[in-house]
Amino acid sequence: MIEQRLQELGLTLPEAAAPLYNYVPVMIHNQVAYISGQVPRVEGQIPYTGKVGDTVTIDQARELAEICVLKGLSCLKAEIGSLDKVEKVLKLTGFVQSAPGFSNQPNVIDAASELLVKIFGDKGRHARSAVGVAELPSNTPVEIDFIFAINE
């Protein structure tokens, strides 16, 4: 059902990426899936780098936030086999590499929130934090981690 919804939205999940450092992409405990921070690499590259509000526009950062969602879902699907096992999106935390004085992080992370609702409907509504940070790995403007309730 979720796979069909992704197709209807014209979305394709990327291959689940192997971690570059010492962590696991997904940890499941008591039917809660914790997805490690996802950066928006596409074919090994981050499409836009730098700070939002300086070299990266809000629209570019919103696009990157959507890529983070698809990457997170691909990791989850690789771990549990089917996104139909998602009972609820519980929380996401979005980190926005921000230029001094930039305070519109919620607008950037809204793109991720909106995409999850498009994909999962009411099950996609979630708690959230949108945090401005000075630096992120690989100079990426956006990184997002996720918490999902799942049915095993």
N, C-alpha and C. Protein backbone atom coordinates (compact mmCIF):
# COMPACT_ATOMS: atom_id res chain seq x y z
N MET A 1 0.81 -1.19 0.00
CA MET A 1 0.00 0.00 0.00
C MET A 1 0.87 1.27 0.00
N ILE A 2 1.88 1.32 0.88
CA ILE A 2 2.77 2.49 0.91
C ILE A 2 3.60 2.53 -0.37
N GLU A 3 4.02 1.37 -0.86
CA GLU A 3 4.78 1.35 -2.12
C GLU A 3 3.93 1.94 -3.24
N GLN A 4 2.66 1.60 -3.26
CA GLN A 4 1.75 2.15 -4.28
C GLN A 4 1.61 3.66 -4.09
N ARG A 5 1.52 4.11 -2.86
CA ARG A 5 1.40 5.54 -2.58
C ARG A 5 2.65 6.28 -3.06
N LEU A 6 3.82 5.71 -2.85
CA LEU A 6 5.06 6.32 -3.33
C LEU A 6 5.02 6.46 -4.85
N GLN A 7 4.56 5.42 -5.54
CA GLN A 7 4.45 5.47 -7.00
C GLN A 7 3.48 6.56 -7.44
N GLU A 8 2.33 6.64 -6.76
CA GLU A 8 1.34 7.67 -7.09
C GLU A 8 1.92 9.07 -6.95
N LEU A 9 2.81 9.24 -5.97
CA LEU A 9 3.44 10.54 -5.73
C LEU A 9 4.64 10.77 -6.64
N GLY A 10 4.98 9.75 -7.46
CA GLY A 10 6.14 9.88 -8.34
C GLY A 10 7.46 9.80 -7.61
N LEU A 11 7.48 9.11 -6.47
CA LEU A 11 8.68 9.01 -5.64
C LEU A 11 9.31 7.64 -5.75
N THR A 12 10.61 7.61 -5.76
CA THR A 12 11.37 6.37 -5.77
C THR A 12 12.34 6.37 -4.60
N LEU A 13 12.33 5.30 -3.84
CA LEU A 13 13.29 5.21 -2.74
C LEU A 13 14.67 4.89 -3.29
N PRO A 14 15.69 5.57 -2.80
CA PRO A 14 17.06 5.23 -3.21
C PRO A 14 17.49 3.92 -2.56
N GLU A 15 18.61 3.41 -2.98
CA GLU A 15 19.19 2.26 -2.29
C GLU A 15 19.54 2.67 -0.87
N ALA A 16 19.32 1.80 0.08
CA ALA A 16 19.71 2.09 1.46
C ALA A 16 21.23 2.20 1.53
N ALA A 17 21.70 3.31 2.02
CA ALA A 17 23.14 3.56 2.07
C ALA A 17 23.77 2.88 3.28
N ALA A 18 24.96 2.35 3.07
CA ALA A 18 25.72 1.80 4.19
C ALA A 18 26.30 2.97 4.99
N PRO A 19 26.40 2.82 6.30
CA PRO A 19 26.96 3.90 7.10
C PRO A 19 28.43 4.14 6.77
N LEU A 20 28.83 5.40 6.83
CA LEU A 20 30.23 5.75 6.58
C LEU A 20 31.07 5.68 7.84
N TYR A 21 30.41 5.63 9.00
CA TYR A 21 31.11 5.64 10.28
C TYR A 21 30.60 4.49 11.14
N ASN A 22 30.89 4.51 12.43
CA ASN A 22 30.62 3.40 13.32
C ASN A 22 29.25 3.53 13.99
N TYR A 23 28.21 3.20 13.25
CA TYR A 23 26.84 3.18 13.76
C TYR A 23 26.01 2.28 12.87
N VAL A 24 24.79 1.99 13.30
CA VAL A 24 23.87 1.23 12.47
C VAL A 24 22.80 2.18 11.93
N PRO A 25 22.33 1.95 10.71
CA PRO A 25 21.33 2.85 10.14
C PRO A 25 19.99 2.82 10.87
N VAL A 26 19.61 1.64 11.37
CA VAL A 26 18.31 1.48 12.04
C VAL A 26 18.51 0.61 13.27
N MET A 27 17.91 1.05 14.37
CA MET A 27 17.90 0.26 15.60
C MET A 27 16.43 0.10 15.99
N ILE A 28 16.02 -1.15 16.18
CA ILE A 28 14.64 -1.42 16.58
C ILE A 28 14.63 -1.99 17.99
N HIS A 29 13.76 -1.41 18.82
CA HIS A 29 13.61 -1.88 20.19
C HIS A 29 12.14 -1.70 20.58
N ASN A 30 11.52 -2.77 21.03
CA ASN A 30 10.12 -2.71 21.47
C ASN A 30 9.20 -2.07 20.43
N GLN A 31 9.35 -2.49 19.19
CA GLN A 31 8.52 -2.04 18.08
C GLN A 31 8.64 -0.54 17.79
N VAL A 32 9.77 0.03 18.18
CA VAL A 32 10.10 1.40 17.83
C VAL A 32 11.39 1.36 17.02
N ALA A 33 11.34 1.98 15.84
CA ALA A 33 12.51 2.02 14.95
C ALA A 33 13.12 3.41 15.02
N TYR A 34 14.40 3.43 15.35
CA TYR A 34 15.18 4.66 15.40
C TYR A 34 16.06 4.68 14.16
N ILE A 35 15.89 5.69 13.32
CA ILE A 35 16.67 5.79 12.08
C ILE A 35 17.74 6.85 12.31
N SER A 36 18.99 6.44 12.10
CA SER A 36 20.12 7.36 12.27
C SER A 36 19.99 8.56 11.36
N GLY A 37 20.67 9.63 11.70
CA GLY A 37 20.65 10.85 10.91
C GLY A 37 20.97 10.59 9.45
N GLN A 38 20.11 11.11 8.59
CA GLN A 38 20.26 10.93 7.14
C GLN A 38 20.68 12.25 6.52
N VAL A 39 21.74 12.19 5.72
CA VAL A 39 22.15 13.36 4.95
C VAL A 39 21.75 13.12 3.50
N PRO A 40 21.52 14.19 2.75
CA PRO A 40 20.92 14.05 1.42
C PRO A 40 21.94 13.75 0.31
N ARG A 41 22.65 12.63 0.44
CA ARG A 41 23.57 12.24 -0.63
C ARG A 41 22.79 11.61 -1.77
N VAL A 42 23.09 12.05 -2.97
CA VAL A 42 22.51 11.49 -4.18
C VAL A 42 23.69 11.02 -5.03
N GLU A 43 23.76 9.71 -5.25
CA GLU A 43 24.89 9.12 -5.98
C GLU A 43 26.22 9.56 -5.37
N GLY A 44 26.27 9.55 -4.04
CA GLY A 44 27.49 9.85 -3.31
C GLY A 44 27.79 11.33 -3.11
N GLN A 45 26.96 12.20 -3.66
CA GLN A 45 27.21 13.64 -3.57
C GLN A 45 26.03 14.35 -2.92
N ILE A 46 26.33 15.42 -2.22
CA ILE A 46 25.28 16.28 -1.67
C ILE A 46 25.03 17.39 -2.69
N PRO A 47 23.79 17.49 -3.20
CA PRO A 47 23.50 18.43 -4.30
C PRO A 47 23.85 19.88 -4.02
N TYR A 48 23.61 20.34 -2.79
CA TYR A 48 23.93 21.72 -2.41
C TYR A 48 24.67 21.65 -1.08
N THR A 49 25.75 22.38 -0.95
CA THR A 49 26.48 22.41 0.31
C THR A 49 26.58 23.84 0.82
N GLY A 50 26.78 23.95 2.11
CA GLY A 50 26.93 25.26 2.72
C GLY A 50 25.83 25.53 3.73
N LYS A 51 25.74 26.79 4.10
CA LYS A 51 24.80 27.20 5.14
C LYS A 51 23.52 27.77 4.52
N VAL A 52 22.40 27.35 5.10
CA VAL A 52 21.11 27.88 4.66
C VAL A 52 21.04 29.34 5.12
N GLY A 53 20.61 30.19 4.22
CA GLY A 53 20.58 31.61 4.50
C GLY A 53 21.83 32.31 4.00
N ASP A 54 22.76 31.54 3.43
CA ASP A 54 23.97 32.11 2.85
C ASP A 54 24.11 31.56 1.43
N THR A 55 24.78 30.40 1.28
CA THR A 55 25.00 29.83 -0.05
C THR A 55 23.89 28.88 -0.47
N VAL A 56 23.00 28.52 0.45
CA VAL A 56 21.91 27.59 0.16
C VAL A 56 20.59 28.30 0.45
N THR A 57 19.66 28.24 -0.51
CA THR A 57 18.35 28.88 -0.34
C THR A 57 17.43 27.98 0.49
N ILE A 58 16.36 28.57 0.98
CA ILE A 58 15.36 27.78 1.70
C ILE A 58 14.78 26.71 0.79
N ASP A 59 14.48 27.04 -0.46
CA ASP A 59 13.91 26.05 -1.39
C ASP A 59 14.88 24.90 -1.63
N GLN A 60 16.17 25.20 -1.78
CA GLN A 60 17.16 24.13 -1.95
C GLN A 60 17.22 23.26 -0.70
N ALA A 61 17.20 23.88 0.46
CA ALA A 61 17.25 23.13 1.71
C ALA A 61 16.00 22.27 1.89
N ARG A 62 14.85 22.76 1.48
CA ARG A 62 13.61 21.97 1.55
C ARG A 62 13.71 20.74 0.65
N GLU A 63 14.30 20.92 -0.52
CA GLU A 63 14.52 19.78 -1.43
C GLU A 63 15.42 18.74 -0.76
N LEU A 64 16.46 19.20 -0.08
CA LEU A 64 17.36 18.28 0.61
C LEU A 64 16.65 17.56 1.76
N ALA A 65 15.75 18.26 2.45
CA ALA A 65 14.99 17.63 3.54
C ALA A 65 14.14 16.48 3.00
N GLU A 66 13.55 16.67 1.83
CA GLU A 66 12.76 15.60 1.22
C GLU A 66 13.65 14.40 0.86
N ILE A 67 14.85 14.67 0.38
CA ILE A 67 15.78 13.58 0.07
C ILE A 67 16.11 12.81 1.35
N CYS A 68 16.30 13.53 2.46
CA CYS A 68 16.58 12.86 3.74
C CYS A 68 15.45 11.92 4.13
N VAL A 69 14.21 12.33 3.89
CA VAL A 69 13.05 11.47 4.20
C VAL A 69 13.13 10.18 3.37
N LEU A 70 13.34 10.31 2.08
CA LEU A 70 13.39 9.12 1.22
C LEU A 70 14.54 8.21 1.62
N LYS A 71 15.66 8.78 1.99
CA LYS A 71 16.79 7.97 2.43
C LYS A 71 16.46 7.24 3.74
N GLY A 72 15.82 7.94 4.66
CA GLY A 72 15.43 7.31 5.91
C GLY A 72 14.44 6.17 5.69
N LEU A 73 13.48 6.40 4.80
CA LEU A 73 12.51 5.34 4.50
C LEU A 73 13.17 4.15 3.83
N SER A 74 14.17 4.40 3.00
CA SER A 74 14.86 3.27 2.35
C SER A 74 15.62 2.45 3.39
N CYS A 75 16.21 3.10 4.37
CA CYS A 75 16.89 2.36 5.44
C CYS A 75 15.90 1.54 6.25
N LEU A 76 14.76 2.15 6.56
CA LEU A 76 13.74 1.45 7.33
C LEU A 76 13.21 0.25 6.55
N LYS A 77 12.92 0.45 5.28
CA LYS A 77 12.42 -0.65 4.46
C LYS A 77 13.43 -1.79 4.37
N ALA A 78 14.71 -1.45 4.24
CA ALA A 78 15.75 -2.49 4.19
C ALA A 78 15.78 -3.30 5.49
N GLU A 79 15.46 -2.66 6.59
CA GLU A 79 15.51 -3.34 7.90
C GLU A 79 14.25 -4.17 8.16
N ILE A 80 13.06 -3.65 7.80
CA ILE A 80 11.81 -4.33 8.19
C ILE A 80 11.10 -5.00 7.03
N GLY A 81 11.57 -4.78 5.80
CA GLY A 81 11.01 -5.48 4.65
C GLY A 81 9.90 -4.76 3.91
N SER A 82 9.04 -4.06 4.63
CA SER A 82 7.93 -3.35 3.99
C SER A 82 7.54 -2.14 4.81
N LEU A 83 7.32 -1.03 4.13
CA LEU A 83 6.88 0.19 4.83
C LEU A 83 5.42 0.09 5.28
N ASP A 84 4.71 -0.95 4.84
CA ASP A 84 3.36 -1.17 5.33
C ASP A 84 3.35 -1.53 6.82
N LYS A 85 4.51 -1.89 7.36
CA LYS A 85 4.62 -2.20 8.79
C LYS A 85 4.71 -0.95 9.66
N VAL A 86 4.79 0.22 9.02
CA VAL A 86 4.83 1.46 9.79
C VAL A 86 3.45 1.71 10.40
N GLU A 87 3.41 1.78 11.71
CA GLU A 87 2.16 2.07 12.42
C GLU A 87 1.99 3.58 12.56
N LYS A 88 3.10 4.30 12.79
CA LYS A 88 3.03 5.73 13.03
C LYS A 88 4.42 6.33 12.92
N VAL A 89 4.50 7.52 12.33
CA VAL A 89 5.72 8.31 12.42
C VAL A 89 5.62 9.02 13.76
N LEU A 90 6.57 8.76 14.66
CA LEU A 90 6.49 9.33 16.00
C LEU A 90 7.17 10.69 16.09
N LYS A 91 8.40 10.78 15.56
CA LYS A 91 9.14 12.03 15.71
C LYS A 91 10.21 12.12 14.65
N LEU A 92 10.52 13.34 14.26
CA LEU A 92 11.73 13.58 13.49
C LEU A 92 12.44 14.77 14.10
N THR A 93 13.75 14.73 13.99
CA THR A 93 14.58 15.85 14.41
C THR A 93 15.36 16.30 13.19
N GLY A 94 15.17 17.56 12.82
CA GLY A 94 15.85 18.12 11.66
C GLY A 94 16.91 19.11 12.10
N PHE A 95 18.09 18.94 11.56
CA PHE A 95 19.21 19.84 11.83
C PHE A 95 19.49 20.64 10.56
N VAL A 96 19.55 21.95 10.70
CA VAL A 96 19.76 22.83 9.55
C VAL A 96 21.05 23.61 9.79
N GLN A 97 22.03 23.39 8.92
CA GLN A 97 23.29 24.14 9.01
C GLN A 97 22.98 25.58 8.59
N SER A 98 23.01 26.47 9.57
CA SER A 98 22.44 27.80 9.39
C SER A 98 23.49 28.91 9.39
N ALA A 99 23.30 29.87 8.49
CA ALA A 99 24.12 31.07 8.49
C ALA A 99 23.78 31.90 9.73
N PRO A 100 24.72 32.72 10.22
CA PRO A 100 24.41 33.59 11.35
C PRO A 100 23.15 34.42 11.06
N GLY A 101 22.24 34.44 12.02
CA GLY A 101 21.02 35.21 11.88
C GLY A 101 19.88 34.47 11.19
N PHE A 102 20.14 33.30 10.60
CA PHE A 102 19.07 32.54 9.96
C PHE A 102 18.25 31.84 11.04
N SER A 103 16.94 32.05 11.02
CA SER A 103 16.09 31.46 12.06
C SER A 103 14.83 30.81 11.48
N ASN A 104 14.88 30.42 10.23
CA ASN A 104 13.70 29.83 9.59
C ASN A 104 13.84 28.32 9.42
N GLN A 105 14.49 27.67 10.38
CA GLN A 105 14.66 26.22 10.32
C GLN A 105 13.33 25.47 10.22
N PRO A 106 12.27 25.91 10.91
CA PRO A 106 11.00 25.18 10.79
C PRO A 106 10.48 25.12 9.35
N ASN A 107 10.66 26.16 8.57
CA ASN A 107 10.22 26.16 7.17
C ASN A 107 10.97 25.09 6.38
N VAL A 108 12.25 24.95 6.62
CA VAL A 108 13.05 23.94 5.92
C VAL A 108 12.54 22.55 6.28
N ILE A 109 12.38 22.28 7.57
CA ILE A 109 12.01 20.94 8.03
C ILE A 109 10.54 20.64 7.73
N ASP A 110 9.72 21.68 7.53
CA ASP A 110 8.34 21.45 7.10
C ASP A 110 8.27 20.60 5.84
N ALA A 111 9.24 20.73 4.95
CA ALA A 111 9.23 19.93 3.71
C ALA A 111 9.25 18.44 4.05
N ALA A 112 10.04 18.05 5.04
CA ALA A 112 10.10 16.65 5.46
C ALA A 112 8.77 16.24 6.10
N SER A 113 8.25 17.08 6.96
CA SER A 113 6.98 16.77 7.63
C SER A 113 5.85 16.63 6.62
N GLU A 114 5.79 17.55 5.68
CA GLU A 114 4.74 17.50 4.66
C GLU A 114 4.84 16.24 3.81
N LEU A 115 6.06 15.84 3.47
CA LEU A 115 6.23 14.64 2.65
C LEU A 115 5.79 13.39 3.42
N LEU A 116 6.12 13.31 4.69
CA LEU A 116 5.69 12.14 5.48
C LEU A 116 4.17 12.05 5.56
N VAL A 117 3.49 13.19 5.67
CA VAL A 117 2.02 13.17 5.69
C VAL A 117 1.47 12.77 4.32
N LYS A 118 2.09 13.23 3.23
CA LYS A 118 1.65 12.82 1.90
C LYS A 118 1.77 11.31 1.73
N ILE A 119 2.84 10.74 2.26
CA ILE A 119 3.09 9.30 2.10
C ILE A 119 2.22 8.47 3.03
N PHE A 120 2.14 8.83 4.30
CA PHE A 120 1.49 7.99 5.30
C PHE A 120 0.12 8.49 5.75
N GLY A 121 -0.33 9.63 5.23
CA GLY A 121 -1.60 10.18 5.70
C GLY A 121 -1.50 10.57 7.16
N ASP A 122 -2.58 10.36 7.93
CA ASP A 122 -2.58 10.74 9.34
C ASP A 122 -1.50 10.02 10.15
N LYS A 123 -1.10 8.82 9.71
CA LYS A 123 -0.03 8.10 10.41
C LYS A 123 1.31 8.82 10.27
N GLY A 124 1.38 9.77 9.33
CA GLY A 124 2.61 10.51 9.10
C GLY A 124 2.75 11.76 9.96
N ARG A 125 1.68 12.15 10.67
CA ARG A 125 1.77 13.32 11.56
C ARG A 125 2.60 12.95 12.77
N HIS A 126 3.46 13.87 13.21
CA HIS A 126 4.49 13.50 14.19
C HIS A 126 4.91 14.69 15.05
N ALA A 127 5.58 14.37 16.13
CA ALA A 127 6.28 15.38 16.92
C ALA A 127 7.57 15.72 16.18
N ARG A 128 8.14 16.91 16.49
CA ARG A 128 9.29 17.32 15.69
C ARG A 128 10.11 18.38 16.41
N SER A 129 11.39 18.38 16.08
CA SER A 129 12.29 19.48 16.45
C SER A 129 12.98 19.94 15.18
N ALA A 130 13.17 21.25 15.05
CA ALA A 130 13.91 21.84 13.93
C ALA A 130 14.99 22.72 14.55
N VAL A 131 16.24 22.28 14.40
CA VAL A 131 17.34 22.88 15.14
C VAL A 131 18.34 23.50 14.18
N GLY A 132 18.73 24.74 14.46
CA GLY A 132 19.80 25.38 13.70
C GLY A 132 21.15 25.03 14.31
N VAL A 133 22.08 24.62 13.46
CA VAL A 133 23.42 24.26 13.94
C VAL A 133 24.47 24.97 13.09
N ALA A 134 25.68 25.07 13.65
CA ALA A 134 26.77 25.77 12.96
C ALA A 134 27.37 24.91 11.85
N GLU A 135 27.53 23.62 12.10
CA GLU A 135 28.19 22.74 11.12
C GLU A 135 27.54 21.37 11.14
N LEU A 136 27.52 20.74 9.97
CA LEU A 136 27.06 19.36 9.83
C LEU A 136 28.08 18.57 9.01
N PRO A 137 28.08 17.24 9.11
CA PRO A 137 29.04 16.43 8.35
C PRO A 137 28.97 16.72 6.85
N SER A 138 30.10 16.71 6.21
CA SER A 138 30.23 16.89 4.76
C SER A 138 29.67 18.23 4.28
N ASN A 139 29.55 19.20 5.19
CA ASN A 139 29.03 20.52 4.85
C ASN A 139 27.61 20.45 4.30
N THR A 140 26.87 19.41 4.70
CA THR A 140 25.48 19.29 4.25
C THR A 140 24.62 20.33 4.96
N PRO A 141 23.68 20.92 4.25
CA PRO A 141 22.80 21.90 4.89
C PRO A 141 21.73 21.29 5.79
N VAL A 142 21.41 20.01 5.61
CA VAL A 142 20.30 19.38 6.34
C VAL A 142 20.68 17.95 6.71
N GLU A 143 20.31 17.57 7.93
CA GLU A 143 20.39 16.18 8.39
C GLU A 143 19.14 15.92 9.22
N ILE A 144 18.53 14.75 9.02
CA ILE A 144 17.30 14.42 9.74
C ILE A 144 17.38 13.00 10.27
N ASP A 145 16.96 12.83 11.54
CA ASP A 145 16.77 11.47 12.06
C ASP A 145 15.30 11.27 12.39
N PHE A 146 14.90 10.01 12.52
CA PHE A 146 13.49 9.67 12.59
C PHE A 146 13.23 8.61 13.66
N ILE A 147 12.00 8.62 14.20
CA ILE A 147 11.53 7.57 15.08
C ILE A 147 10.16 7.13 14.57
N PHE A 148 10.01 5.82 14.34
CA PHE A 148 8.77 5.23 13.83
C PHE A 148 8.27 4.16 14.78
N ALA A 149 6.97 4.05 14.95
CA ALA A 149 6.37 2.87 15.59
C ALA A 149 6.09 1.89 14.46
N ILE A 150 6.44 0.63 14.68
CA ILE A 150 6.25 -0.38 13.64
C ILE A 150 5.53 -1.61 14.20
N ASN A 151 4.89 -2.35 13.31
CA ASN A 151 4.30 -3.64 13.62
C ASN A 151 5.22 -4.69 13.05
N GLU A 152 5.71 -5.54 13.88
CA GLU A 152 6.60 -6.62 13.38
C GLU A 152 5.78 -7.83 12.98
